[in-house]
Amino acid sequence: MKKVIGLAVVALGAFLAATDARADWTTARGNAQRTGNVDGQAGPKAPKVLWVYESTDHYVSAPSPGKGLVYMPALGTLNSGVMSALSVEGAVGADKRVVWSKSQPFLKLPTVCSPAVVGGRVIFGDGMHQNSNPTLYCVDAQTGATPDFWQALTRYVGFFVSVTPLLLGFVWVAFDARKQAWHDKMARTVVIHRRR
């Protein structure tokens, strides 16, 4: 019986390792070792360019990949912040390459770090070490949208749900890994505090 369990564990480990190698890149340069290689295989001997996107923006950090998109932080005119989501499909024309983009007035400061792509959201910041009041943003990965009217309304109504049973919805924050109150969970939102 121990041999069967041992074989099952080894098989499961091999399956998970193979699955992980085919997964999207979760960090800049592909893995924790930053080698740019997630499957252990050598790259193509004669790579070819699938598409090119010409821009007036300055790309100063690594892009972050997502589902069919790559998220590009950049410095725009007069070092203004720009965050763009570009389609990675080869057949897309240059005019449709940018799926969404954020710049001034949404972004107030330069955007120079690679974004994180987690749970269908893109999390990125603006500001550098010499800036005061940097901001952390969280937008929908596919659309670039911030919480919509219905999410805001759900959060507002959910506030009363959090208050009603002896403020238990707010007490819940102390025990929740993501520090979400009940109304945040209902609206699928997370509060991000701005430093002043």
Protein backbone atom coordinates (compact mmCIF):
# COMPACT_ATOMS: atom_id res chain seq x y z
CA MET A 1 0.00 0.00 0.00
CA LYS A 2 2.87 2.38 0.83
CA LYS A 3 4.39 1.75 -2.62
CA VAL A 4 1.09 2.60 -4.32
CA ILE A 5 0.79 5.83 -2.32
CA GLY A 6 4.45 6.64 -3.04
CA LEU A 7 3.94 6.09 -6.78
CA ALA A 8 0.79 8.23 -6.72
CA VAL A 9 2.67 11.06 -5.01
CA VAL A 10 5.53 10.84 -7.55
CA ALA A 11 3.06 10.78 -10.46
CA LEU A 12 1.17 13.75 -9.04
CA GLY A 13 4.44 15.65 -8.56
CA ALA A 14 5.49 14.95 -12.16
CA PHE A 15 2.07 16.05 -13.42
CA LEU A 16 2.18 19.28 -11.43
CA ALA A 17 5.73 20.02 -12.59
CA ALA A 18 4.70 19.53 -16.23
CA THR A 19 1.59 21.66 -15.71
CA ASP A 20 3.63 24.43 -14.08
CA ALA A 21 6.08 24.48 -16.98
CA ARG A 22 3.26 25.23 -19.41
CA ALA A 23 1.67 27.93 -17.22
CA ASP A 24 1.84 31.67 -17.89
CA TRP A 25 4.84 33.49 -16.53
CA THR A 26 4.00 34.67 -13.04
CA THR A 27 7.10 36.81 -12.52
CA ALA A 28 9.36 38.98 -14.59
CA ARG A 29 11.75 36.78 -16.59
CA GLY A 30 9.56 33.73 -16.12
CA ASN A 31 10.59 32.15 -12.85
CA ALA A 32 12.07 32.81 -9.43
CA GLN A 33 15.59 32.28 -10.82
CA ARG A 34 14.87 34.95 -13.48
CA THR A 35 16.32 32.83 -16.29
CA GLY A 36 13.61 33.62 -18.83
CA ASN A 37 12.93 29.91 -19.27
CA VAL A 38 9.99 28.15 -17.62
CA ASP A 39 9.98 24.78 -19.39
CA GLY A 40 13.67 23.81 -19.23
CA GLN A 41 13.87 23.59 -23.04
CA ALA A 42 16.23 25.58 -25.21
CA GLY A 43 14.65 28.37 -27.24
CA PRO A 44 14.30 28.28 -31.03
CA LYS A 45 17.54 28.20 -33.05
CA ALA A 46 16.22 30.85 -35.41
CA PRO A 47 13.58 32.89 -33.60
CA LYS A 48 11.31 35.08 -35.68
CA VAL A 49 9.54 38.30 -34.79
CA LEU A 50 5.78 37.77 -34.58
CA TRP A 51 4.80 41.42 -34.25
CA VAL A 52 6.20 44.86 -33.50
CA TYR A 53 4.56 47.77 -31.72
CA GLU A 54 6.11 51.19 -32.26
CA SER A 55 5.47 53.79 -29.59
CA THR A 56 6.61 57.22 -28.50
CA ASP A 57 6.59 55.96 -24.89
CA HIS A 58 9.78 54.78 -23.18
CA TYR A 59 9.66 51.23 -21.82
CA VAL A 60 11.90 51.10 -18.76
CA SER A 61 10.87 47.84 -17.07
CA ALA A 62 9.93 44.31 -18.02
CA PRO A 63 6.41 43.60 -19.27
CA SER A 64 4.14 41.17 -17.41
CA PRO A 65 2.26 38.51 -19.39
CA GLY A 66 -1.41 37.65 -18.91
CA LYS A 67 -4.10 35.74 -20.79
CA GLY A 68 -3.60 36.86 -24.38
CA LEU A 69 -2.19 40.22 -23.25
CA VAL A 70 1.11 41.68 -22.14
CA TYR A 71 1.08 44.60 -19.67
CA MET A 72 3.62 47.33 -20.43
CA PRO A 73 4.53 50.10 -17.97
CA ALA A 74 6.16 53.09 -19.64
CA LEU A 75 7.19 56.70 -19.33
CA GLY A 76 5.15 58.96 -21.59
CA THR A 77 5.47 62.63 -22.47
CA LEU A 78 7.39 64.61 -19.81
CA ASN A 79 7.89 61.39 -17.79
CA SER A 80 4.17 60.89 -17.25
CA GLY A 81 3.04 57.39 -16.32
CA VAL A 82 1.55 55.05 -18.91
CA MET A 83 0.26 51.48 -18.43
CA SER A 84 -0.90 49.62 -21.53
CA ALA A 85 -2.28 46.17 -22.25
CA LEU A 86 -1.15 44.91 -25.66
CA SER A 87 -2.62 41.94 -27.49
CA VAL A 88 -0.09 39.18 -28.17
CA GLU A 89 -2.04 37.79 -31.13
CA GLY A 90 0.04 37.88 -34.30
CA ALA A 91 -2.91 38.55 -36.63
CA VAL A 92 -3.97 41.75 -34.83
CA GLY A 93 -3.24 44.94 -36.75
CA ALA A 94 -1.17 47.75 -35.27
CA ASP A 95 -4.31 49.86 -34.77
CA LYS A 96 -5.86 47.12 -32.57
CA ARG A 97 -2.68 46.10 -30.71
CA VAL A 98 -3.45 48.31 -27.66
CA VAL A 99 -6.44 46.75 -25.88
CA TRP A 100 -6.50 49.38 -23.13
CA SER A 101 -4.22 52.07 -21.78
CA LYS A 102 -4.07 54.28 -18.68
CA SER A 103 -2.24 57.61 -18.58
CA GLN A 104 -2.90 61.15 -17.34
CA PRO A 105 -5.19 62.15 -15.64
CA PHE A 106 -5.72 58.60 -14.26
CA LEU A 107 -2.00 58.22 -13.49
CA LYS A 108 -0.42 61.20 -11.77
CA LEU A 109 3.21 60.07 -11.54
CA PRO A 110 5.70 57.99 -13.57
CA THR A 111 5.05 54.23 -13.82
CA VAL A 112 8.36 52.37 -13.85
CA CYS A 113 7.85 48.94 -12.23
CA SER A 114 6.51 45.73 -13.74
CA PRO A 115 2.89 45.12 -12.77
CA ALA A 116 1.59 42.02 -10.99
CA VAL A 117 -1.15 40.03 -12.71
CA VAL A 118 -3.23 38.15 -10.14
CA GLY A 119 -6.77 36.77 -10.24
CA GLY A 120 -7.87 38.65 -13.36
CA ARG A 121 -6.52 41.95 -12.00
CA VAL A 122 -3.47 44.04 -12.84
CA ILE A 123 -1.84 45.72 -9.86
CA PHE A 124 0.64 48.50 -10.53
CA GLY A 125 1.85 51.71 -8.97
CA ASP A 126 2.88 55.14 -10.00
CA GLY A 127 5.64 57.20 -8.41
CA MET A 128 9.33 56.72 -7.79
CA HIS A 129 11.54 57.11 -4.72
CA GLN A 130 11.69 60.91 -5.04
CA ASN A 131 7.92 61.34 -5.45
CA SER A 132 5.52 61.99 -2.62
CA ASN A 133 2.06 60.38 -2.60
CA PRO A 134 2.69 57.39 -4.86
CA THR A 135 -0.44 55.35 -5.60
CA LEU A 136 -1.16 51.67 -6.03
CA TYR A 137 -3.85 50.79 -8.61
CA CYS A 138 -5.84 47.64 -9.23
CA VAL A 139 -7.76 47.33 -12.51
CA ASP A 140 -9.49 44.56 -14.44
CA ALA A 141 -6.85 42.73 -16.50
CA GLN A 142 -8.96 42.41 -19.67
CA THR A 143 -10.62 45.84 -19.73
CA GLY A 144 -8.49 48.12 -17.54
CA ALA A 145 -11.67 49.17 -15.76
CA THR A 146 -11.86 50.20 -12.14
CA PRO A 147 -14.88 48.97 -10.12
CA ASP A 148 -18.06 49.76 -12.07
CA PHE A 149 -21.37 51.25 -10.89
CA TRP A 150 -22.83 47.85 -9.94
CA GLN A 151 -19.79 46.88 -7.91
CA ALA A 152 -19.92 50.24 -6.13
CA LEU A 153 -23.66 49.86 -5.47
CA THR A 154 -23.16 46.29 -4.21
CA ARG A 155 -20.41 47.51 -1.89
CA TYR A 156 -22.62 50.36 -0.61
CA VAL A 157 -25.60 48.06 0.09
CA GLY A 158 -23.25 45.44 1.50
CA PHE A 159 -21.99 48.02 3.98
CA PHE A 160 -25.33 47.76 5.78
CA VAL A 161 -25.02 43.97 5.76
CA SER A 162 -21.61 44.36 7.44
CA VAL A 163 -23.01 46.75 10.06
CA THR A 164 -26.28 44.97 10.93
CA PRO A 165 -25.13 41.87 12.87
CA LEU A 166 -23.18 43.69 15.62
CA LEU A 167 -20.54 44.98 13.16
CA LEU A 168 -19.42 41.40 12.46
CA GLY A 169 -18.76 42.29 8.82
CA PHE A 170 -16.03 44.68 9.97
CA VAL A 171 -14.67 42.35 12.67
CA TRP A 172 -14.22 39.82 9.85
CA VAL A 173 -11.33 41.95 8.51
CA ALA A 174 -9.16 40.83 11.44
CA PHE A 175 -9.49 37.18 10.36
CA ASP A 176 -9.52 37.52 6.56
CA ALA A 177 -6.27 36.93 4.65
CA ARG A 178 -7.09 39.71 2.18
CA LYS A 179 -8.41 42.06 4.90
CA GLN A 180 -11.81 42.28 3.19
CA ALA A 181 -14.99 43.15 5.08
CA TRP A 182 -18.21 41.41 4.04
CA HIS A 183 -19.23 44.26 1.73
CA ASP A 184 -15.83 44.04 -0.02
CA LYS A 185 -16.31 40.31 -0.57
CA MET A 186 -19.82 40.88 -1.93
CA ALA A 187 -18.57 43.47 -4.43
CA ARG A 188 -15.29 41.64 -5.17
CA THR A 189 -13.26 44.72 -4.21
CA VAL A 190 -10.19 45.37 -2.07
CA VAL A 191 -9.46 48.67 -0.33
CA ILE A 192 -6.05 50.15 -1.15
CA HIS A 193 -4.93 52.99 1.10
CA ARG A 194 -3.13 55.98 -0.36
CA ARG A 195 -0.27 57.38 1.67
CA ARG A 196 -0.56 61.12 2.23
